[in-house]
Amino acid sequence: MRTGIYGGAFSPPHNGHIAAAKYFLSAAKLDRLLIMPSLVSPHKPTAKDDDPQARIRMLKLAFSDEPKIEVSDYEIQKGGVSYTYLTLKHFKESGDTLCFLVGSDMFLSLDHWREPAQIFSLCEVWCLTRTGTDGAELTAKKLEYEKKFGALCYVCENDAVIASSTDVRRLLREGKDASHYLTDSVSEYIKENDLYGAKNAEIKEYIYNKLSKKRYEHSIGVAETAEELGDALGLPEADIAKLIRAGLCHDISKEMSIEEQFALVKEAGIEPLPDYYTVPVTLHQLSGAVLAKKLFGIDKEIFDMIQYHCTGSPGMSLCDKILFLSDFIEPNREYEACKAMRAEIYSGEITIERINKIFTELCGRQLKHIEEKGYPAHSLTRLTYDTEVKKMTEEKKLDLTNATSNEIAEEVKQILDEKLAKNIEIIPVRDKTVVTDYFVIANATSTTHVKALADEVEYKLGEAGLKPLHTDGVPGGEWYVLDYGVVIVHIFSGSAREFYKLDRLWQDKSPIDSTEE
């Protein structure tokens, strides 16, 4: 029996997958084709919100009319990273002739996969080119595999359906139509189960019908800006889908009266903070979160993004801050302050550090503006600003590149103390030896703790710009040394420190003794 294996994430399975599978079934003259969704791919990270069972169900819907095509959950049930050679070994036990389908990119890198020789010995490899322009490169690689591994490879061209799971997921999270990439059954399943942020389309339609044109355009602008920032930071797609949803919903109750908003919040069993009575202009952040939960079942992460998008809150997550900033800088905002901050954010590489810095600046600007106008400020805004300023001060990057030997020794002592080292001593030896200025000596509670302390010192000083000139010691050993030139760090187990008596030796040593050595 000729058995085909077509693996991948299939998140979601689209018409390109279906077309490739059907072509493979015919071209390789297969008796059956196994669609093999991976659990953990060695080639790409697993999505934060991945549900392998949902992918199985979508695949079964996609191939329900193909009797020769089966969906196998072997790799998902097996667990762990889905290595192709292991899957092939398992199915080869049946005695079938195996045919393995890969796309152009994967075919070109097959010799870098785990155990490529085994892969080529276990199956025929079928490569399906998607572009039609890479034939020469693929043919050259085919000849290389045949010569090096004795492989049996086939390179095929067909009228590929141009589709990408990444593009489909992007369309869905942006609330756009992706149905032309999907079968009706898969599309419906995705909508019913709100996969990949698919409910954002429903939310977009709701705010289009319920909000004024200006408020709708602002909400779209916030959602798009939040998506841009999330993409720039490399956030997981699941987080970006939530940012878009929060952006779409953040002003969902803004055009309700204050009385209606208070009634909505109290109906949900929430007693608003006293500040909302004195600063009712911010109430829509709380009522909006309540209404979005009532209408669309948003989760706590999105609820928090919405309910703090005006005032901020101590302990805000990165996504909370992104929405807060996006509300201020989205392109429809024409105030000069908004334009200036938008330019500031996009003036350099977008990093978490820059987001935190500009978020703190914005909180400070808002407080100053409110105070200049003589309006009361929401207590959450003041608390948020004070918290963020304190955090930035505490987290200011340590730079020891121009530090004195005494400052380095004191920093090492602090690092060791924070990692629960015992009996930490700084011993000045500048007058006793030319080797170094200070020894820092400490006890660990176990041999494992010895290495952990050494690793922590090396890591923290490395972040501060210092690399050891030399290290000595082994994992599981009772002693470790890190030599920073002007400071040498000795970490002992209790028994080793007692045996070497290094601290007593150097504290008792005189300058004359040192030169005699």
Protein backbone atom coordinates (compact mmCIF):
# COMPACT_ATOMS: atom_id res chain seq x y z
CA MET A 1 0.00 0.00 0.00
CA ARG A 2 1.21 3.48 -0.86
CA THR A 3 0.63 5.80 2.09
CA GLY A 4 1.19 9.52 1.89
CA ILE A 5 2.02 11.73 4.86
CA TYR A 6 1.35 15.47 4.75
CA GLY A 7 2.37 17.23 7.92
CA GLY A 8 2.17 20.76 9.27
CA ALA A 9 0.48 22.98 11.79
CA PHE A 10 -2.67 23.53 9.67
CA SER A 11 -3.67 26.50 11.79
CA PRO A 12 -6.10 26.88 10.16
CA PRO A 13 -6.36 24.41 7.24
CA HIS A 14 -7.06 26.46 4.09
CA ASN A 15 -7.82 25.85 0.45
CA GLY A 16 -4.11 25.76 -0.40
CA HIS A 17 -3.66 22.77 1.91
CA ILE A 18 -6.66 21.04 0.37
CA ALA A 19 -5.44 21.61 -3.19
CA ALA A 20 -1.94 20.36 -2.33
CA ALA A 21 -3.32 17.24 -0.65
CA LYS A 22 -5.54 16.36 -3.60
CA TYR A 23 -2.72 16.88 -6.08
CA PHE A 24 -0.38 14.74 -3.97
CA LEU A 25 -2.99 11.97 -3.71
CA SER A 26 -3.25 11.82 -7.49
CA ALA A 27 0.38 12.47 -8.53
CA ALA A 28 1.91 9.95 -6.10
CA LYS A 29 -0.85 7.38 -6.87
CA LEU A 30 -1.56 6.99 -3.17
CA ASP A 31 -3.90 4.41 -1.70
CA ARG A 32 -4.40 6.69 1.29
CA LEU A 33 -3.15 10.05 2.49
CA LEU A 34 -2.62 10.85 6.17
CA ILE A 35 -2.94 14.51 7.13
CA MET A 36 -0.62 14.81 10.13
CA PRO A 37 -1.02 17.94 12.29
CA SER A 38 2.01 18.50 14.51
CA LEU A 39 1.86 19.13 18.24
CA VAL A 40 5.09 21.12 18.59
CA SER A 41 6.90 21.93 15.36
CA PRO A 42 10.71 22.02 15.42
CA HIS A 43 10.56 24.70 12.70
CA LYS A 44 8.29 27.36 14.21
CA PRO A 45 6.99 28.35 17.67
CA THR A 46 3.67 26.98 18.88
CA ALA A 47 0.96 29.62 19.13
CA LYS A 48 0.19 30.87 22.63
CA ASP A 49 -3.50 29.92 22.31
CA ASP A 50 -3.00 26.77 20.23
CA ASP A 51 -5.71 24.13 20.58
CA PRO A 52 -4.55 20.98 18.75
CA GLN A 53 -7.98 19.38 19.07
CA ALA A 54 -9.56 22.35 17.31
CA ARG A 55 -7.07 21.90 14.46
CA ILE A 56 -8.01 18.21 14.26
CA ARG A 57 -11.71 19.09 14.05
CA MET A 58 -11.11 21.69 11.34
CA LEU A 59 -9.07 19.23 9.28
CA LYS A 60 -11.81 16.62 9.51
CA LEU A 61 -14.30 19.20 8.26
CA ALA A 62 -11.98 20.29 5.46
CA PHE A 63 -11.42 16.74 4.16
CA SER A 64 -14.81 15.24 4.99
CA ASP A 65 -15.62 14.57 1.31
CA GLU A 66 -12.34 12.75 0.54
CA PRO A 67 -12.59 9.01 1.36
CA LYS A 68 -8.88 8.37 0.73
CA ILE A 69 -7.76 11.20 3.01
CA GLU A 70 -7.58 10.55 6.75
CA VAL A 71 -6.72 12.97 9.55
CA SER A 72 -4.23 11.38 11.96
CA ASP A 73 -3.73 12.59 15.53
CA TYR A 74 -0.62 10.42 15.96
CA GLU A 75 1.85 13.27 16.56
CA ILE A 76 -0.56 15.10 18.85
CA GLN A 77 -1.23 12.00 20.95
CA LYS A 78 2.47 11.10 21.05
CA GLY A 79 3.34 14.45 22.60
CA GLY A 80 6.56 16.43 22.48
CA VAL A 81 8.28 17.88 19.43
CA SER A 82 7.03 16.38 16.18
CA TYR A 83 10.17 15.06 14.48
CA THR A 84 9.50 13.70 11.00
CA TYR A 85 11.94 10.78 11.17
CA LEU A 86 10.16 9.38 14.25
CA THR A 87 6.76 9.63 12.59
CA LEU A 88 8.06 7.90 9.47
CA LYS A 89 9.64 5.10 11.54
CA HIS A 90 6.31 4.49 13.26
CA PHE A 91 4.27 4.22 10.06
CA LYS A 92 6.97 2.25 8.25
CA GLU A 93 6.33 -0.61 10.67
CA SER A 94 3.13 -1.35 8.74
CA GLY A 95 5.20 -2.28 5.68
CA ASP A 96 3.64 0.46 3.55
CA THR A 97 5.58 2.43 0.97
CA LEU A 98 5.68 5.91 2.48
CA CYS A 99 5.52 9.13 0.50
CA PHE A 100 6.22 12.37 2.33
CA LEU A 101 4.99 15.73 0.99
CA VAL A 102 6.85 18.99 1.61
CA GLY A 103 6.74 22.47 0.13
CA SER A 104 9.64 24.19 -1.63
CA ASP A 105 11.12 25.93 1.42
CA MET A 106 11.09 22.79 3.53
CA PHE A 107 12.49 20.67 0.70
CA LEU A 108 15.51 22.97 0.37
CA SER A 109 16.29 22.62 4.08
CA LEU A 110 15.58 18.90 4.56
CA ASP A 111 19.24 18.04 5.01
CA HIS A 112 19.25 20.24 8.13
CA TRP A 113 16.32 18.44 9.78
CA ARG A 114 16.82 15.93 12.58
CA GLU A 115 18.22 12.65 11.12
CA PRO A 116 17.92 13.51 7.41
CA ALA A 117 19.53 10.22 6.32
CA GLN A 118 16.77 8.30 8.11
CA ILE A 119 14.08 10.45 6.52
CA PHE A 120 15.36 9.71 3.01
CA SER A 121 15.79 6.00 3.76
CA LEU A 122 12.22 5.64 5.04
CA CYS A 123 10.21 7.36 2.33
CA GLU A 124 9.89 8.91 -1.08
CA VAL A 125 10.03 12.69 -0.76
CA TRP A 126 7.60 14.68 -2.86
CA CYS A 127 8.18 18.39 -3.24
CA LEU A 128 5.35 20.61 -4.39
CA THR A 129 6.62 23.94 -5.70
CA ARG A 130 4.39 26.90 -4.96
CA THR A 131 5.99 29.61 -7.06
CA GLY A 132 6.81 27.86 -10.34
CA THR A 133 10.00 29.94 -10.55
CA ASP A 134 12.30 27.89 -8.33
CA GLY A 135 12.48 24.78 -10.48
CA ALA A 136 16.23 24.97 -11.16
CA GLU A 137 17.09 25.37 -7.48
CA LEU A 138 14.80 22.51 -6.46
CA THR A 139 16.16 20.22 -9.19
CA ALA A 140 19.74 20.92 -8.07
CA LYS A 141 18.79 20.09 -4.48
CA LYS A 142 17.05 16.91 -5.62
CA LEU A 143 20.23 15.74 -7.36
CA GLU A 144 22.26 16.57 -4.25
CA TYR A 145 19.95 14.49 -2.04
CA GLU A 146 20.03 11.59 -4.46
CA LYS A 147 23.82 11.60 -4.55
CA LYS A 148 24.41 12.16 -0.84
CA PHE A 149 21.59 10.06 0.67
CA GLY A 150 20.48 7.77 -2.15
CA ALA A 151 17.15 9.58 -1.87
CA LEU A 152 14.13 9.08 -4.06
CA CYS A 153 12.74 12.57 -4.68
CA TYR A 154 10.06 14.02 -6.95
CA VAL A 155 9.67 17.72 -7.69
CA CYS A 156 6.19 18.61 -8.99
CA GLU A 157 4.64 21.76 -10.36
CA ASN A 158 0.93 22.40 -10.31
CA ASP A 159 -1.44 25.33 -10.31
CA ALA A 160 -1.06 26.04 -6.60
CA VAL A 161 -3.76 27.83 -4.64
CA ILE A 162 -1.90 30.78 -3.17
CA ALA A 163 -2.82 30.87 0.48
CA SER A 164 -1.08 31.24 3.82
CA SER A 165 -2.31 30.33 7.28
CA THR A 166 -0.51 33.43 8.60
CA ASP A 167 -2.47 35.66 6.20
CA VAL A 168 -5.74 33.94 7.10
CA ARG A 169 -5.13 34.47 10.82
CA ARG A 170 -4.29 38.12 10.21
CA LEU A 171 -7.51 38.71 8.28
CA LEU A 172 -9.55 37.02 11.00
CA ARG A 173 -8.05 38.99 13.89
CA GLU A 174 -8.55 42.23 11.94
CA GLY A 175 -12.23 41.44 11.48
CA LYS A 176 -11.89 41.03 7.72
CA ASP A 177 -13.34 38.41 5.38
CA ALA A 178 -11.17 35.28 5.05
CA SER A 179 -13.89 32.98 3.74
CA HIS A 180 -12.40 32.82 0.23
CA TYR A 181 -9.39 30.99 1.73
CA LEU A 182 -11.48 28.46 3.67
CA THR A 183 -14.15 25.85 3.14
CA ASP A 184 -17.59 26.90 4.37
CA SER A 185 -17.50 24.33 7.17
CA VAL A 186 -14.09 25.45 8.45
CA SER A 187 -15.04 29.12 8.20
CA GLU A 188 -18.21 28.50 10.21
CA TYR A 189 -16.33 26.50 12.85
CA ILE A 190 -13.81 29.32 13.28
CA LYS A 191 -16.58 31.88 13.73
CA GLU A 192 -18.59 29.74 16.15
CA ASN A 193 -15.54 29.12 18.34
CA ASP A 194 -14.00 32.59 18.02
CA LEU A 195 -10.68 31.16 16.83
CA TYR A 196 -7.88 33.55 15.83
CA GLY A 197 -9.93 36.54 17.03
CA ALA A 198 -12.70 35.83 14.49
CA LYS A 199 -15.34 37.55 16.65
CA ASN A 200 -13.62 40.86 15.87
CA ALA A 201 -15.66 40.97 12.64
CA GLU A 202 -18.89 40.90 14.63
CA ILE A 203 -17.57 43.61 16.96
CA LYS A 204 -16.54 45.79 14.02
CA GLU A 205 -20.03 45.54 12.58
CA TYR A 206 -21.59 46.37 15.96
CA ILE A 207 -19.58 49.56 16.52
CA TYR A 208 -20.13 50.59 12.89
CA ASN A 209 -23.87 50.48 13.48
CA LYS A 210 -23.91 51.84 17.04
CA LEU A 211 -21.26 54.57 17.16
CA SER A 212 -21.01 57.87 15.34
CA LYS A 213 -18.80 57.94 12.26
CA LYS A 214 -16.08 59.89 14.09
CA ARG A 215 -16.10 57.55 17.10
CA TYR A 216 -16.08 54.47 14.84
CA GLU A 217 -13.10 55.75 12.85
CA HIS A 218 -11.26 56.55 16.09
CA SER A 219 -11.91 53.02 17.38
CA ILE A 220 -10.62 51.49 14.14
CA GLY A 221 -7.55 53.73 14.38
CA VAL A 222 -6.85 52.61 17.95
CA ALA A 223 -7.21 48.94 16.99
CA GLU A 224 -4.87 49.34 14.00
CA THR A 225 -2.28 51.28 16.01
CA ALA A 226 -2.34 48.70 18.79
CA GLU A 227 -1.83 45.97 16.18
CA GLU A 228 1.13 47.87 14.67
CA LEU A 229 2.81 48.25 18.04
CA GLY A 230 2.14 44.61 18.95
CA ASP A 231 3.61 43.45 15.64
CA ALA A 232 6.65 45.68 16.07
CA LEU A 233 7.28 44.19 19.52
CA GLY A 234 6.88 40.63 18.21
CA LEU A 235 3.98 39.83 20.53
CA PRO A 236 2.17 36.49 20.12
CA GLU A 237 -0.68 36.59 17.61
CA ALA A 238 -3.16 35.78 20.38
CA ASP A 239 -2.13 38.93 22.25
CA ILE A 240 -2.39 41.03 19.09
CA ALA A 241 -5.91 39.72 18.46
CA LYS A 242 -6.83 40.80 21.99
CA LEU A 243 -5.27 44.24 21.46
CA ILE A 244 -7.39 44.69 18.33
CA ARG A 245 -10.51 43.61 20.20
CA ALA A 246 -9.79 45.99 23.06
CA GLY A 247 -9.20 48.81 20.57
CA LEU A 248 -12.50 48.15 18.83
CA CYS A 249 -14.39 48.04 22.15
CA HIS A 250 -12.59 50.69 24.20
CA ASP A 251 -15.11 53.49 23.47
CA ILE A 252 -18.14 51.26 23.04
CA SER A 253 -20.12 53.09 25.75
CA LYS A 254 -18.65 56.58 25.20
CA GLU A 255 -21.81 57.94 23.57
CA MET A 256 -24.13 56.74 26.34
CA SER A 257 -25.19 59.24 28.97
CA ILE A 258 -23.35 59.30 32.30
CA GLU A 259 -26.54 58.09 34.00
CA GLU A 260 -26.81 55.15 31.61
CA GLN A 261 -23.18 54.27 32.20
CA PHE A 262 -23.53 54.29 36.00
CA ALA A 263 -26.65 52.11 35.70
CA LEU A 264 -24.81 49.66 33.44
CA VAL A 265 -21.88 49.33 35.84
CA LYS A 266 -24.07 48.91 38.93
CA GLU A 267 -26.25 46.37 37.14
CA ALA A 268 -23.07 44.30 36.73
CA GLY A 269 -22.58 44.38 40.52
CA ILE A 270 -19.66 46.83 40.42
CA GLU A 271 -19.54 49.86 42.70
CA PRO A 272 -17.58 52.58 40.83
CA LEU A 273 -14.67 54.27 42.59
CA PRO A 274 -15.56 57.68 44.10
CA ASP A 275 -13.32 59.32 41.48
CA TYR A 276 -15.77 58.38 38.74
CA TYR A 277 -18.34 60.66 40.37
CA THR A 278 -15.88 63.58 40.49
CA VAL A 279 -14.26 62.78 37.11
CA PRO A 280 -17.19 61.24 35.14
CA VAL A 281 -15.43 61.85 31.80
CA THR A 282 -13.38 58.71 32.49
CA LEU A 283 -16.38 56.53 33.40
CA HIS A 284 -16.67 55.16 29.87
CA GLN A 285 -13.51 53.08 30.41
CA LEU A 286 -15.27 51.07 33.15
CA SER A 287 -18.72 51.02 31.56
CA GLY A 288 -17.14 50.12 28.21
CA ALA A 289 -15.41 47.10 29.72
CA VAL A 290 -18.67 46.03 31.35
CA LEU A 291 -20.65 46.45 28.12
CA ALA A 292 -18.04 44.60 26.02
CA LYS A 293 -18.14 41.71 28.47
CA LYS A 294 -21.94 41.66 28.41
CA LEU A 295 -22.14 41.72 24.60
CA PHE A 296 -19.05 39.80 23.53
CA GLY A 297 -17.84 37.84 26.57
CA ILE A 298 -14.38 39.45 26.63
CA ASP A 299 -11.84 37.88 28.99
CA LYS A 300 -10.13 39.56 31.95
CA GLU A 301 -7.09 40.67 29.95
CA ILE A 302 -9.23 42.61 27.47
CA PHE A 303 -11.50 43.85 30.28
CA ASP A 304 -8.48 45.36 32.05
CA MET A 305 -7.11 46.93 28.86
CA ILE A 306 -10.42 48.73 28.35
CA GLN A 307 -11.14 49.70 31.95
CA TYR A 308 -7.77 51.45 32.39
CA HIS A 309 -7.27 53.00 28.95
CA CYS A 310 -7.95 56.56 30.20
CA THR A 311 -6.56 56.63 33.73
CA GLY A 312 -3.99 53.87 33.78
CA SER A 313 -3.55 51.64 36.80
CA PRO A 314 -0.59 50.45 38.89
CA GLY A 315 0.77 47.14 37.65
CA MET A 316 -0.43 47.53 34.06
CA SER A 317 0.61 44.85 31.60
CA LEU A 318 2.44 45.63 28.38
CA CYS A 319 -0.80 45.20 26.42
CA ASP A 320 -2.61 47.57 28.81
CA LYS A 321 0.04 50.20 28.09
CA ILE A 322 -0.10 49.63 24.34
CA LEU A 323 -3.85 50.29 24.28
CA PHE A 324 -3.43 53.36 26.51
CA LEU A 325 -0.84 54.80 24.10
CA SER A 326 -2.76 53.77 20.98
CA ASP A 327 -5.81 55.69 22.18
CA PHE A 328 -3.69 58.84 22.31
CA ILE A 329 -1.58 58.51 19.16
CA GLU A 330 -3.89 56.87 16.60
CA PRO A 331 -3.75 58.78 13.28
CA ASN A 332 -7.22 60.34 13.55
CA ARG A 333 -6.08 62.35 16.59
CA GLU A 334 -5.23 65.81 15.27
CA TYR A 335 -4.13 67.48 18.51
CA GLU A 336 -0.54 68.70 18.38
CA ALA A 337 0.36 66.76 21.55
CA CYS A 338 -0.96 63.55 19.96
CA LYS A 339 0.98 64.16 16.76
CA ALA A 340 4.16 64.86 18.70
CA MET A 341 3.89 61.68 20.75
CA ARG A 342 3.07 59.63 17.66
CA ALA A 343 6.22 60.97 16.02
CA GLU A 344 8.20 60.22 19.17
CA ILE A 345 7.06 56.59 19.30
CA TYR A 346 7.83 55.94 15.64
CA SER A 347 11.12 57.89 15.63
CA GLY A 348 13.17 54.82 16.56
CA GLU A 349 12.99 51.10 17.10
CA ILE A 350 9.88 50.17 19.04
CA THR A 351 10.96 48.26 22.14
CA ILE A 352 9.39 47.42 25.48
CA GLU A 353 11.73 49.92 27.13
CA ARG A 354 10.54 52.69 24.80
CA ILE A 355 6.90 51.79 25.36
CA ASN A 356 7.38 51.94 29.13
CA LYS A 357 9.26 55.23 28.92
CA ILE A 358 6.74 56.95 26.66
CA PHE A 359 3.82 55.54 28.64
CA THR A 360 5.25 57.15 31.79
CA GLU A 361 5.80 60.41 29.92
CA LEU A 362 2.18 60.39 28.74
CA CYS A 363 0.86 59.82 32.27
CA GLY A 364 2.96 62.79 33.43
CA ARG A 365 1.74 65.00 30.58
CA GLN A 366 -1.87 64.16 31.32
CA LEU A 367 -1.47 64.99 35.00
CA LYS A 368 0.21 68.29 34.16
CA HIS A 369 -2.50 69.18 31.63
CA ILE A 370 -5.29 68.39 34.11
CA GLU A 371 -3.64 70.40 36.86
CA GLU A 372 -3.06 73.40 34.55
CA LYS A 373 -6.76 73.35 33.62
CA GLY A 374 -7.73 73.20 37.28
CA TYR A 375 -9.64 69.93 36.86
CA PRO A 376 -9.53 67.06 39.37
CA ALA A 377 -7.29 64.18 38.32
CA HIS A 378 -8.40 60.58 38.74
CA SER A 379 -6.44 59.04 41.63
CA LEU A 380 -5.54 56.07 39.41
CA THR A 381 -3.63 58.37 37.06
CA ARG A 382 -1.54 59.86 39.85
CA LEU A 383 -0.90 56.41 41.35
CA THR A 384 0.03 54.98 37.95
CA TYR A 385 2.49 57.77 37.23
CA ASP A 386 4.16 57.52 40.65
CA THR A 387 4.39 53.71 40.33
CA GLU A 388 5.93 53.85 36.85
CA VAL A 389 8.45 56.53 37.80
CA LYS A 390 9.53 54.47 40.79
CA LYS A 391 9.79 51.34 38.66
CA MET A 392 11.89 53.08 36.01
CA THR A 393 14.22 54.40 38.69
CA GLU A 394 14.63 50.94 40.21
CA GLU A 395 15.09 49.26 36.84
CA LYS A 396 17.57 51.78 35.48
CA LYS A 397 20.27 49.73 33.82
CA LEU A 398 23.39 49.32 35.89
CA ASP A 399 26.63 50.24 34.13
CA LEU A 400 29.86 49.14 35.81
CA THR A 401 32.21 49.70 32.89
CA ASN A 402 33.80 52.72 34.61
CA ALA A 403 33.13 51.63 38.20
CA THR A 404 35.82 51.50 40.87
CA SER A 405 36.91 48.13 42.24
CA ASN A 406 35.12 48.95 45.50
CA GLU A 407 31.83 49.63 43.65
CA ILE A 408 32.16 46.33 41.76
CA ALA A 409 32.83 44.43 44.98
CA GLU A 410 29.80 46.01 46.66
CA GLU A 411 27.59 45.13 43.68
CA VAL A 412 28.80 41.50 43.78
CA LYS A 413 27.98 41.38 47.48
CA GLN A 414 24.46 42.66 46.80
CA ILE A 415 23.92 40.11 44.01
CA LEU A 416 25.06 37.27 46.27
CA ASP A 417 22.91 38.51 49.13
CA GLU A 418 19.80 38.62 46.92
CA LYS A 419 20.47 35.00 45.90
CA LEU A 420 20.68 33.94 49.60
CA ALA A 421 24.44 33.41 49.85
CA LYS A 422 25.79 33.14 53.42
CA ASN A 423 28.70 34.80 55.27
CA ILE A 424 29.55 37.22 52.47
CA GLU A 425 32.81 39.08 53.00
CA ILE A 426 34.65 41.73 51.00
CA ILE A 427 38.38 41.52 51.74
CA PRO A 428 40.63 44.36 50.54
CA VAL A 429 43.95 42.92 49.35
CA ARG A 430 45.30 45.79 47.23
CA ASP A 431 48.13 46.35 49.74
CA LYS A 432 48.94 42.67 49.99
CA THR A 433 49.13 41.48 46.38
CA VAL A 434 49.34 42.80 42.84
CA VAL A 435 46.82 40.18 41.69
CA THR A 436 43.63 42.09 42.58
CA ASP A 437 42.10 44.79 44.76
CA TYR A 438 39.36 42.78 46.47
CA PHE A 439 38.29 39.24 47.18
CA VAL A 440 34.58 38.67 47.62
CA ILE A 441 34.01 35.39 49.45
CA ALA A 442 30.66 33.72 50.17
CA ASN A 443 29.13 30.43 51.28
CA ALA A 444 26.57 28.48 49.27
CA THR A 445 24.10 26.13 50.91
CA SER A 446 24.80 23.27 48.49
CA THR A 447 26.94 22.40 45.50
CA THR A 448 24.00 23.28 43.24
CA HIS A 449 23.76 26.64 44.98
CA VAL A 450 27.49 27.22 44.32
CA LYS A 451 26.94 27.15 40.55
CA ALA A 452 23.68 29.11 40.78
CA LEU A 453 25.42 31.91 42.67
CA ALA A 454 28.29 31.99 40.18
CA ASP A 455 25.89 32.07 37.24
CA GLU A 456 23.92 34.93 38.79
CA VAL A 457 27.05 37.03 39.40
CA GLU A 458 28.29 36.41 35.85
CA TYR A 459 24.88 37.24 34.37
CA LYS A 460 24.24 40.42 36.37
CA LEU A 461 27.74 41.81 35.89
CA GLY A 462 27.56 40.88 32.21
CA GLU A 463 24.41 43.00 31.87
CA ALA A 464 26.32 45.83 33.55
CA GLY A 465 29.14 45.57 31.01
CA LEU A 466 31.66 43.37 32.84
CA LYS A 467 32.87 39.98 31.62
CA PRO A 468 35.13 37.76 33.75
CA LEU A 469 38.73 37.39 32.61
CA HIS A 470 38.70 33.81 33.84
CA THR A 471 36.36 31.38 35.59
CA ASP A 472 37.04 28.07 37.23
CA GLY A 473 34.87 25.39 38.77
CA VAL A 474 32.46 22.73 37.57
CA PRO A 475 28.74 22.06 38.05
CA GLY A 476 28.34 19.98 41.19
CA GLY A 477 31.69 21.20 42.54
CA GLU A 478 32.26 22.76 45.95
CA TRP A 479 34.09 25.86 44.77
CA TYR A 480 33.78 28.39 41.94
CA VAL A 481 35.87 31.44 41.12
CA LEU A 482 35.20 34.40 38.83
CA ASP A 483 38.14 36.69 38.11
CA TYR A 484 37.22 40.27 37.13
CA GLY A 485 40.76 41.57 37.45
CA VAL A 486 40.27 44.15 40.19
CA VAL A 487 37.79 41.86 41.98
CA ILE A 488 37.97 38.09 42.35
CA VAL A 489 34.85 36.26 43.53
CA HIS A 490 35.16 32.98 45.45
CA ILE A 491 32.04 30.92 46.16
CA PHE A 492 32.40 27.88 48.42
CA SER A 493 30.32 25.18 49.99
CA GLY A 494 30.52 25.43 53.77
CA SER A 495 33.03 22.58 54.10
CA ALA A 496 35.22 23.87 51.25
CA ARG A 497 35.40 27.33 52.77
CA GLU A 498 36.41 25.87 56.10
CA PHE A 499 39.06 23.72 54.42
CA TYR A 500 40.70 26.49 52.37
CA LYS A 501 40.36 29.23 55.04
CA LEU A 502 40.93 31.78 52.28
CA ASP A 503 39.34 34.66 54.15
CA ARG A 504 41.45 34.09 57.26
CA LEU A 505 44.58 33.62 55.19
CA TRP A 506 44.26 36.95 53.38
CA GLN A 507 42.92 38.93 56.30
CA ASP A 508 45.97 37.90 58.35
CA LYS A 509 48.46 38.36 55.54
CA SER A 510 50.77 41.37 55.63
CA PRO A 511 52.16 43.25 52.59
CA ILE A 512 55.64 41.84 53.32
CA ASP A 513 54.32 38.28 53.21
CA SER A 514 52.74 38.99 49.87
CA THR A 515 55.94 40.20 48.21
CA GLU A 516 57.91 37.30 49.61
CA GLU A 517 55.66 34.96 47.72
